[in-house]
Amino acid sequence: MSNFHIRSLGPEDRKWVAEFITEHWGAEIVVGHGTVYRPAQLPGFVAIQDDKKLGVVTYSIDGESCEIVSIDSIRPSLGIGSALIEAVKEAARHAKCKRLWLITTNDNLNALRFYQKRGFVLVAVHRNAVERSRKIKPEIPMIGAEGIPLRDEIELEMILD
């Protein structure tokens, strides 16, 4: 296991989050289920090793639901993504949330594998939802990972105890 630690995002991280999201998501905004998010303005956590930021997760709480809006690790297979999810789960439980959920796209096979291995369950497929998101964020490509047409949003959830 790598020697990294997780800490809450602070005001000093906002510029870095905006730049990181732009680099990895194509714009400073994230669009899902018709909602526009600005991850740099959301609560979240960052993974750090030797003063280098290796991953970030942002989330949004609405009532008893906590949505993971963005999650990224620049060093896969070290447990960073899992640790970031655990940090959000703890924050969601602290906020009395009963549900942790997220959206990914139909082309993101790695994410689907990753989330299901960590206890998330597929609960809905929103057909052609990405087409609607492209109207808000035209940077979303037509073709996604591994040449798969990017068109559907897949909703996954974890019930919190």
N, C-alpha and C. Protein backbone atom coordinates (compact mmCIF):
# COMPACT_ATOMS: atom_id res chain seq x y z
N MET A 1 0.85 -1.19 0.00
CA MET A 1 0.00 0.00 0.00
C MET A 1 0.89 1.24 0.00
N SER A 2 0.52 2.19 -0.79
CA SER A 2 1.28 3.44 -0.86
C SER A 2 1.06 4.27 0.39
N ASN A 3 2.01 5.12 0.64
CA ASN A 3 1.96 5.99 1.80
C ASN A 3 1.34 7.33 1.38
N PHE A 4 0.01 7.38 1.36
CA PHE A 4 -0.70 8.62 1.05
C PHE A 4 -1.69 8.88 2.17
N HIS A 5 -2.16 10.11 2.23
CA HIS A 5 -3.19 10.43 3.21
C HIS A 5 -4.31 11.22 2.53
N ILE A 6 -5.46 11.20 3.17
CA ILE A 6 -6.65 11.88 2.64
C ILE A 6 -6.96 13.04 3.58
N ARG A 7 -7.26 14.19 2.99
CA ARG A 7 -7.71 15.32 3.80
C ARG A 7 -8.82 16.05 3.06
N SER A 8 -9.60 16.80 3.81
CA SER A 8 -10.68 17.59 3.22
C SER A 8 -10.10 18.67 2.30
N LEU A 9 -10.84 18.97 1.26
CA LEU A 9 -10.47 20.11 0.41
C LEU A 9 -10.65 21.39 1.21
N GLY A 10 -9.74 22.32 1.01
CA GLY A 10 -9.84 23.62 1.66
C GLY A 10 -9.85 24.72 0.61
N PRO A 11 -10.04 25.95 1.04
CA PRO A 11 -10.05 27.08 0.11
C PRO A 11 -8.78 27.15 -0.73
N GLU A 12 -7.66 26.73 -0.15
CA GLU A 12 -6.38 26.78 -0.88
C GLU A 12 -6.33 25.77 -2.03
N ASP A 13 -7.26 24.82 -2.06
CA ASP A 13 -7.27 23.79 -3.11
C ASP A 13 -8.17 24.15 -4.30
N ARG A 14 -9.00 25.16 -4.17
CA ARG A 14 -10.04 25.44 -5.17
C ARG A 14 -9.47 25.67 -6.57
N LYS A 15 -8.41 26.44 -6.67
CA LYS A 15 -7.82 26.71 -7.99
C LYS A 15 -7.28 25.42 -8.59
N TRP A 16 -6.62 24.62 -7.77
CA TRP A 16 -6.08 23.34 -8.25
C TRP A 16 -7.21 22.43 -8.72
N VAL A 17 -8.32 22.35 -7.96
CA VAL A 17 -9.44 21.49 -8.35
C VAL A 17 -10.00 21.95 -9.69
N ALA A 18 -10.18 23.25 -9.87
CA ALA A 18 -10.70 23.77 -11.14
C ALA A 18 -9.79 23.38 -12.30
N GLU A 19 -8.50 23.53 -12.11
CA GLU A 19 -7.54 23.16 -13.18
C GLU A 19 -7.53 21.65 -13.42
N PHE A 20 -7.58 20.88 -12.35
CA PHE A 20 -7.57 19.42 -12.46
C PHE A 20 -8.82 18.92 -13.20
N ILE A 21 -9.98 19.44 -12.83
CA ILE A 21 -11.23 19.03 -13.48
C ILE A 21 -11.22 19.44 -14.95
N THR A 22 -10.74 20.63 -15.25
CA THR A 22 -10.66 21.06 -16.65
C THR A 22 -9.75 20.12 -17.43
N GLU A 23 -8.62 19.76 -16.86
CA GLU A 23 -7.69 18.86 -17.55
C GLU A 23 -8.27 17.47 -17.75
N HIS A 24 -8.95 16.93 -16.75
CA HIS A 24 -9.42 15.55 -16.81
C HIS A 24 -10.85 15.39 -17.31
N TRP A 25 -11.66 16.45 -17.27
CA TRP A 25 -13.06 16.35 -17.65
C TRP A 25 -13.41 17.28 -18.83
N GLY A 26 -12.44 18.02 -19.34
CA GLY A 26 -12.66 18.83 -20.53
C GLY A 26 -13.21 20.21 -20.30
N ALA A 27 -13.63 20.52 -19.10
CA ALA A 27 -14.15 21.85 -18.76
C ALA A 27 -14.20 21.94 -17.24
N GLU A 28 -14.41 23.14 -16.75
CA GLU A 28 -14.45 23.36 -15.30
C GLU A 28 -15.75 22.85 -14.67
N ILE A 29 -16.72 22.50 -15.52
CA ILE A 29 -18.00 22.01 -15.02
C ILE A 29 -18.16 20.52 -15.29
N VAL A 30 -19.00 19.90 -14.49
CA VAL A 30 -19.41 18.52 -14.67
C VAL A 30 -20.93 18.56 -14.81
N VAL A 31 -21.46 17.83 -15.79
CA VAL A 31 -22.90 17.80 -16.02
C VAL A 31 -23.39 16.37 -15.86
N GLY A 32 -24.40 16.21 -15.05
CA GLY A 32 -25.02 14.90 -14.88
C GLY A 32 -26.48 15.07 -14.56
N HIS A 33 -27.30 14.22 -15.13
CA HIS A 33 -28.76 14.25 -14.93
C HIS A 33 -29.33 15.66 -15.03
N GLY A 34 -28.81 16.44 -16.01
CA GLY A 34 -29.31 17.78 -16.26
C GLY A 34 -28.84 18.84 -15.28
N THR A 35 -27.97 18.47 -14.37
CA THR A 35 -27.47 19.40 -13.36
C THR A 35 -26.03 19.79 -13.67
N VAL A 36 -25.75 21.07 -13.54
CA VAL A 36 -24.40 21.57 -13.74
C VAL A 36 -23.74 21.72 -12.37
N TYR A 37 -22.57 21.12 -12.24
CA TYR A 37 -21.79 21.22 -11.01
C TYR A 37 -20.46 21.90 -11.30
N ARG A 38 -19.97 22.62 -10.35
CA ARG A 38 -18.63 23.20 -10.38
C ARG A 38 -17.85 22.54 -9.24
N PRO A 39 -17.13 21.45 -9.56
CA PRO A 39 -16.44 20.72 -8.51
C PRO A 39 -15.54 21.57 -7.62
N ALA A 40 -14.94 22.61 -8.17
CA ALA A 40 -14.05 23.46 -7.37
C ALA A 40 -14.81 24.17 -6.26
N GLN A 41 -16.14 24.22 -6.35
CA GLN A 41 -16.94 24.89 -5.33
C GLN A 41 -17.63 23.90 -4.38
N LEU A 42 -17.40 22.61 -4.60
CA LEU A 42 -18.06 21.58 -3.80
C LEU A 42 -17.15 21.09 -2.67
N PRO A 43 -17.75 20.48 -1.65
CA PRO A 43 -16.92 19.82 -0.65
C PRO A 43 -16.26 18.59 -1.26
N GLY A 44 -15.19 18.16 -0.67
CA GLY A 44 -14.51 16.99 -1.19
C GLY A 44 -13.27 16.65 -0.39
N PHE A 45 -12.51 15.72 -0.96
CA PHE A 45 -11.29 15.24 -0.33
C PHE A 45 -10.20 15.12 -1.38
N VAL A 46 -8.97 15.22 -0.92
CA VAL A 46 -7.82 15.09 -1.80
C VAL A 46 -6.88 14.04 -1.21
N ALA A 47 -6.28 13.25 -2.08
CA ALA A 47 -5.27 12.27 -1.68
C ALA A 47 -3.90 12.87 -1.93
N ILE A 48 -3.04 12.81 -0.93
CA ILE A 48 -1.73 13.45 -1.03
C ILE A 48 -0.64 12.46 -0.62
N GLN A 49 0.44 12.48 -1.38
CA GLN A 49 1.64 11.71 -1.04
C GLN A 49 2.85 12.60 -1.28
N ASP A 50 3.66 12.77 -0.28
CA ASP A 50 4.87 13.61 -0.40
C ASP A 50 4.55 14.98 -0.99
N ASP A 51 3.51 15.62 -0.49
CA ASP A 51 3.07 16.95 -0.94
C ASP A 51 2.57 16.99 -2.39
N LYS A 52 2.38 15.84 -3.02
CA LYS A 52 1.84 15.78 -4.38
C LYS A 52 0.40 15.28 -4.32
N LYS A 53 -0.49 15.99 -4.99
CA LYS A 53 -1.91 15.62 -5.02
C LYS A 53 -2.11 14.52 -6.07
N LEU A 54 -2.61 13.37 -5.61
CA LEU A 54 -2.74 12.20 -6.48
C LEU A 54 -4.18 11.88 -6.86
N GLY A 55 -5.14 12.48 -6.19
CA GLY A 55 -6.53 12.19 -6.49
C GLY A 55 -7.45 13.14 -5.77
N VAL A 56 -8.68 13.20 -6.26
CA VAL A 56 -9.66 14.11 -5.68
C VAL A 56 -11.06 13.54 -5.88
N VAL A 57 -11.91 13.79 -4.91
CA VAL A 57 -13.33 13.47 -5.02
C VAL A 57 -14.12 14.68 -4.56
N THR A 58 -15.22 14.96 -5.26
CA THR A 58 -16.13 16.02 -4.83
C THR A 58 -17.52 15.41 -4.71
N TYR A 59 -18.34 16.05 -3.87
CA TYR A 59 -19.67 15.49 -3.64
C TYR A 59 -20.66 16.61 -3.34
N SER A 60 -21.94 16.22 -3.39
CA SER A 60 -23.03 17.16 -3.13
C SER A 60 -24.08 16.44 -2.29
N ILE A 61 -24.48 17.07 -1.20
CA ILE A 61 -25.51 16.49 -0.33
C ILE A 61 -26.82 17.22 -0.55
N ASP A 62 -27.88 16.42 -0.75
CA ASP A 62 -29.22 16.95 -0.92
C ASP A 62 -30.14 16.09 -0.06
N GLY A 63 -30.56 16.63 1.07
CA GLY A 63 -31.40 15.87 1.99
C GLY A 63 -30.66 14.66 2.53
N GLU A 64 -31.23 13.48 2.32
CA GLU A 64 -30.62 12.24 2.81
C GLU A 64 -29.80 11.53 1.75
N SER A 65 -29.51 12.23 0.64
CA SER A 65 -28.70 11.65 -0.44
C SER A 65 -27.40 12.42 -0.61
N CYS A 66 -26.35 11.66 -0.85
CA CYS A 66 -25.04 12.25 -1.12
C CYS A 66 -24.60 11.73 -2.49
N GLU A 67 -24.36 12.65 -3.39
CA GLU A 67 -23.92 12.28 -4.73
C GLU A 67 -22.43 12.53 -4.88
N ILE A 68 -21.71 11.51 -5.34
CA ILE A 68 -20.32 11.71 -5.75
C ILE A 68 -20.38 12.36 -7.12
N VAL A 69 -19.89 13.57 -7.23
CA VAL A 69 -19.95 14.34 -8.47
C VAL A 69 -18.75 14.04 -9.36
N SER A 70 -17.56 13.99 -8.76
CA SER A 70 -16.36 13.68 -9.53
C SER A 70 -15.41 12.88 -8.65
N ILE A 71 -14.68 11.98 -9.27
CA ILE A 71 -13.64 11.24 -8.55
C ILE A 71 -12.57 10.88 -9.56
N ASP A 72 -11.33 11.12 -9.18
CA ASP A 72 -10.20 10.83 -10.06
C ASP A 72 -8.99 10.45 -9.23
N SER A 73 -8.23 9.52 -9.76
CA SER A 73 -6.93 9.18 -9.20
C SER A 73 -5.93 9.17 -10.35
N ILE A 74 -4.82 9.86 -10.17
CA ILE A 74 -3.82 9.85 -11.24
C ILE A 74 -2.84 8.70 -11.09
N ARG A 75 -2.99 7.92 -10.01
CA ARG A 75 -2.15 6.74 -9.78
C ARG A 75 -3.07 5.55 -9.47
N PRO A 76 -3.62 4.91 -10.50
CA PRO A 76 -4.55 3.81 -10.28
C PRO A 76 -3.90 2.62 -9.57
N SER A 77 -4.74 1.83 -8.97
CA SER A 77 -4.37 0.56 -8.32
C SER A 77 -3.55 0.72 -7.04
N LEU A 78 -3.58 1.90 -6.44
CA LEU A 78 -2.88 2.11 -5.16
C LEU A 78 -3.86 2.24 -4.00
N GLY A 79 -5.17 2.17 -4.29
CA GLY A 79 -6.17 2.31 -3.24
C GLY A 79 -6.65 3.73 -3.03
N ILE A 80 -6.22 4.64 -3.87
CA ILE A 80 -6.59 6.05 -3.72
C ILE A 80 -8.09 6.24 -3.92
N GLY A 81 -8.62 5.70 -5.01
CA GLY A 81 -10.06 5.83 -5.28
C GLY A 81 -10.90 5.24 -4.16
N SER A 82 -10.50 4.07 -3.68
CA SER A 82 -11.22 3.43 -2.57
C SER A 82 -11.18 4.30 -1.32
N ALA A 83 -10.03 4.85 -1.01
CA ALA A 83 -9.89 5.71 0.17
C ALA A 83 -10.73 6.98 0.03
N LEU A 84 -10.79 7.54 -1.17
CA LEU A 84 -11.61 8.73 -1.40
C LEU A 84 -13.09 8.41 -1.21
N ILE A 85 -13.52 7.26 -1.71
CA ILE A 85 -14.93 6.85 -1.52
C ILE A 85 -15.22 6.66 -0.03
N GLU A 86 -14.32 6.04 0.68
CA GLU A 86 -14.52 5.84 2.13
C GLU A 86 -14.65 7.18 2.85
N ALA A 87 -13.87 8.16 2.44
CA ALA A 87 -13.95 9.48 3.06
C ALA A 87 -15.32 10.12 2.81
N VAL A 88 -15.83 9.98 1.58
CA VAL A 88 -17.16 10.53 1.27
C VAL A 88 -18.24 9.76 2.04
N LYS A 89 -18.12 8.44 2.12
CA LYS A 89 -19.09 7.65 2.89
C LYS A 89 -19.16 8.15 4.33
N GLU A 90 -18.01 8.39 4.92
CA GLU A 90 -17.97 8.88 6.30
C GLU A 90 -18.64 10.26 6.41
N ALA A 91 -18.35 11.15 5.47
CA ALA A 91 -18.97 12.48 5.46
C ALA A 91 -20.48 12.37 5.28
N ALA A 92 -20.91 11.47 4.41
CA ALA A 92 -22.34 11.28 4.15
C ALA A 92 -23.04 10.73 5.40
N ARG A 93 -22.43 9.77 6.04
CA ARG A 93 -23.01 9.23 7.28
C ARG A 93 -23.10 10.32 8.36
N HIS A 94 -22.05 11.11 8.45
CA HIS A 94 -22.02 12.20 9.43
C HIS A 94 -23.16 13.20 9.15
N ALA A 95 -23.49 13.38 7.87
CA ALA A 95 -24.58 14.29 7.47
C ALA A 95 -25.95 13.60 7.50
N LYS A 96 -25.98 12.37 8.02
CA LYS A 96 -27.22 11.59 8.17
C LYS A 96 -27.82 11.16 6.82
N CYS A 97 -26.97 11.04 5.81
CA CYS A 97 -27.44 10.56 4.51
C CYS A 97 -27.72 9.06 4.59
N LYS A 98 -28.70 8.64 3.84
CA LYS A 98 -29.05 7.22 3.79
C LYS A 98 -28.61 6.58 2.47
N ARG A 99 -28.24 7.43 1.51
CA ARG A 99 -27.91 6.95 0.18
C ARG A 99 -26.68 7.67 -0.34
N LEU A 100 -25.74 6.90 -0.89
CA LEU A 100 -24.59 7.45 -1.60
C LEU A 100 -24.76 7.01 -3.04
N TRP A 101 -24.70 7.95 -3.97
CA TRP A 101 -24.96 7.58 -5.36
C TRP A 101 -24.07 8.37 -6.30
N LEU A 102 -24.07 7.94 -7.55
CA LEU A 102 -23.28 8.62 -8.57
C LEU A 102 -23.79 8.24 -9.95
N ILE A 103 -23.31 8.99 -10.91
CA ILE A 103 -23.62 8.74 -12.32
C ILE A 103 -22.30 8.48 -13.04
N THR A 104 -22.28 7.48 -13.91
CA THR A 104 -21.18 7.32 -14.85
C THR A 104 -21.81 7.11 -16.22
N THR A 105 -21.00 6.96 -17.22
CA THR A 105 -21.53 6.80 -18.57
C THR A 105 -21.35 5.37 -19.07
N ASN A 106 -22.12 5.04 -20.08
CA ASN A 106 -22.16 3.66 -20.59
C ASN A 106 -20.81 3.18 -21.11
N ASP A 107 -19.94 4.08 -21.50
CA ASP A 107 -18.63 3.68 -22.04
C ASP A 107 -17.60 3.41 -20.96
N ASN A 108 -17.87 3.84 -19.74
CA ASN A 108 -16.85 3.82 -18.69
C ASN A 108 -16.84 2.46 -17.96
N LEU A 109 -16.35 1.46 -18.67
CA LEU A 109 -16.34 0.10 -18.15
C LEU A 109 -15.46 -0.03 -16.92
N ASN A 110 -14.35 0.70 -16.89
CA ASN A 110 -13.47 0.66 -15.71
C ASN A 110 -14.20 1.19 -14.48
N ALA A 111 -14.95 2.27 -14.66
CA ALA A 111 -15.69 2.84 -13.52
C ALA A 111 -16.79 1.88 -13.07
N LEU A 112 -17.49 1.27 -14.00
CA LEU A 112 -18.54 0.33 -13.63
C LEU A 112 -17.97 -0.83 -12.82
N ARG A 113 -16.84 -1.33 -13.22
CA ARG A 113 -16.17 -2.41 -12.48
C ARG A 113 -15.74 -1.90 -11.09
N PHE A 114 -15.08 -0.75 -11.08
CA PHE A 114 -14.56 -0.17 -9.84
C PHE A 114 -15.69 0.03 -8.81
N TYR A 115 -16.77 0.68 -9.21
CA TYR A 115 -17.84 0.99 -8.26
C TYR A 115 -18.53 -0.27 -7.75
N GLN A 116 -18.80 -1.21 -8.63
CA GLN A 116 -19.48 -2.43 -8.19
C GLN A 116 -18.62 -3.25 -7.23
N LYS A 117 -17.31 -3.24 -7.45
CA LYS A 117 -16.41 -3.97 -6.54
C LYS A 117 -16.38 -3.31 -5.16
N ARG A 118 -16.82 -2.06 -5.08
CA ARG A 118 -16.81 -1.34 -3.81
C ARG A 118 -18.20 -1.23 -3.19
N GLY A 119 -19.15 -2.03 -3.70
CA GLY A 119 -20.46 -2.11 -3.08
C GLY A 119 -21.57 -1.31 -3.71
N PHE A 120 -21.29 -0.58 -4.78
CA PHE A 120 -22.35 0.14 -5.47
C PHE A 120 -23.16 -0.82 -6.34
N VAL A 121 -24.45 -0.52 -6.51
CA VAL A 121 -25.36 -1.35 -7.28
C VAL A 121 -25.96 -0.49 -8.39
N LEU A 122 -26.07 -1.06 -9.59
CA LEU A 122 -26.72 -0.35 -10.69
C LEU A 122 -28.21 -0.24 -10.38
N VAL A 123 -28.75 0.97 -10.47
CA VAL A 123 -30.17 1.16 -10.18
C VAL A 123 -30.95 1.75 -11.34
N ALA A 124 -30.27 2.36 -12.32
CA ALA A 124 -31.00 2.94 -13.45
C ALA A 124 -30.05 3.19 -14.62
N VAL A 125 -30.63 3.08 -15.80
CA VAL A 125 -29.95 3.51 -17.02
C VAL A 125 -30.82 4.63 -17.60
N HIS A 126 -30.23 5.78 -17.77
CA HIS A 126 -30.94 6.93 -18.33
C HIS A 126 -30.52 7.04 -19.79
N ARG A 127 -31.36 6.47 -20.65
CA ARG A 127 -31.03 6.38 -22.07
C ARG A 127 -30.93 7.76 -22.70
N ASN A 128 -29.88 7.94 -23.48
CA ASN A 128 -29.62 9.17 -24.24
C ASN A 128 -29.48 10.42 -23.38
N ALA A 129 -29.21 10.25 -22.09
CA ALA A 129 -29.05 11.40 -21.20
C ALA A 129 -27.84 12.24 -21.56
N VAL A 130 -26.80 11.60 -22.12
CA VAL A 130 -25.59 12.35 -22.46
C VAL A 130 -25.87 13.34 -23.58
N GLU A 131 -26.80 13.00 -24.45
CA GLU A 131 -27.19 13.93 -25.53
C GLU A 131 -27.71 15.23 -24.92
N ARG A 132 -28.51 15.13 -23.88
CA ARG A 132 -29.02 16.33 -23.20
C ARG A 132 -27.87 17.08 -22.51
N SER A 133 -26.95 16.32 -21.92
CA SER A 133 -25.81 16.96 -21.24
C SER A 133 -24.92 17.72 -22.22
N ARG A 134 -24.79 17.19 -23.44
CA ARG A 134 -23.96 17.86 -24.46
C ARG A 134 -24.50 19.24 -24.83
N LYS A 135 -25.80 19.43 -24.68
CA LYS A 135 -26.37 20.74 -24.97
C LYS A 135 -25.87 21.77 -23.96
N ILE A 136 -25.55 21.31 -22.76
CA ILE A 136 -25.02 22.18 -21.70
C ILE A 136 -23.50 22.25 -21.77
N LYS A 137 -22.89 21.09 -22.05
CA LYS A 137 -21.43 20.98 -22.08
C LYS A 137 -21.01 20.32 -23.40
N PRO A 138 -20.84 21.12 -24.45
CA PRO A 138 -20.52 20.57 -25.77
C PRO A 138 -19.17 19.85 -25.84
N GLU A 139 -18.33 20.00 -24.82
CA GLU A 139 -17.02 19.33 -24.80
C GLU A 139 -17.15 17.81 -24.64
N ILE A 140 -18.31 17.32 -24.25
CA ILE A 140 -18.49 15.87 -24.08
C ILE A 140 -18.37 15.21 -25.45
N PRO A 141 -17.44 14.28 -25.60
CA PRO A 141 -17.23 13.67 -26.92
C PRO A 141 -18.37 12.74 -27.33
N MET A 142 -18.45 12.47 -28.60
CA MET A 142 -19.46 11.54 -29.13
C MET A 142 -19.04 10.09 -28.88
N ILE A 143 -17.75 9.86 -28.94
CA ILE A 143 -17.21 8.51 -28.73
C ILE A 143 -16.40 8.52 -27.45
N GLY A 144 -16.66 7.53 -26.61
CA GLY A 144 -15.99 7.46 -25.33
C GLY A 144 -14.88 6.42 -25.32
N ALA A 145 -14.65 5.89 -24.14
CA ALA A 145 -13.58 4.91 -23.93
C ALA A 145 -13.78 3.69 -24.83
N GLU A 146 -12.67 3.20 -25.35
CA GLU A 146 -12.64 1.99 -26.17
C GLU A 146 -13.55 2.06 -27.39
N GLY A 147 -13.79 3.28 -27.89
CA GLY A 147 -14.56 3.45 -29.11
C GLY A 147 -16.06 3.26 -28.94
N ILE A 148 -16.54 3.24 -27.70
CA ILE A 148 -17.96 3.05 -27.43
C ILE A 148 -18.69 4.38 -27.57
N PRO A 149 -19.79 4.41 -28.34
CA PRO A 149 -20.58 5.65 -28.42
C PRO A 149 -21.04 6.07 -27.03
N LEU A 150 -20.83 7.32 -26.72
CA LEU A 150 -21.13 7.87 -25.40
C LEU A 150 -22.54 8.44 -25.43
N ARG A 151 -23.50 7.75 -24.78
CA ARG A 151 -24.88 8.21 -24.88
C ARG A 151 -25.71 8.09 -23.61
N ASP A 152 -25.44 7.11 -22.74
CA ASP A 152 -26.32 6.86 -21.60
C ASP A 152 -25.63 7.17 -20.27
N GLU A 153 -26.43 7.60 -19.30
CA GLU A 153 -25.94 7.74 -17.94
C GLU A 153 -26.40 6.53 -17.15
N ILE A 154 -25.49 5.97 -16.38
CA ILE A 154 -25.80 4.82 -15.55
C ILE A 154 -25.70 5.28 -14.10
N GLU A 155 -26.79 5.05 -13.36
CA GLU A 155 -26.86 5.48 -11.97
C GLU A 155 -26.56 4.27 -11.07
N LEU A 156 -25.65 4.49 -10.13
CA LEU A 156 -25.30 3.46 -9.15
C LEU A 156 -25.51 4.05 -7.76
N GLU A 157 -25.83 3.18 -6.81
CA GLU A 157 -26.03 3.65 -5.44
C GLU A 157 -25.54 2.64 -4.44
N MET A 158 -25.36 3.15 -3.24
CA MET A 158 -25.01 2.34 -2.08
C MET A 158 -25.89 2.85 -0.95
N ILE A 159 -26.61 1.96 -0.31
CA ILE A 159 -27.43 2.33 0.83
C ILE A 159 -26.51 2.36 2.06
N LEU A 160 -26.58 3.46 2.78
CA LEU A 160 -25.72 3.63 3.96
C LEU A 160 -26.48 3.21 5.20
N ASP A 161 -25.78 2.54 6.12
CA ASP A 161 -26.44 2.10 7.35
C ASP A 161 -26.19 3.06 8.47
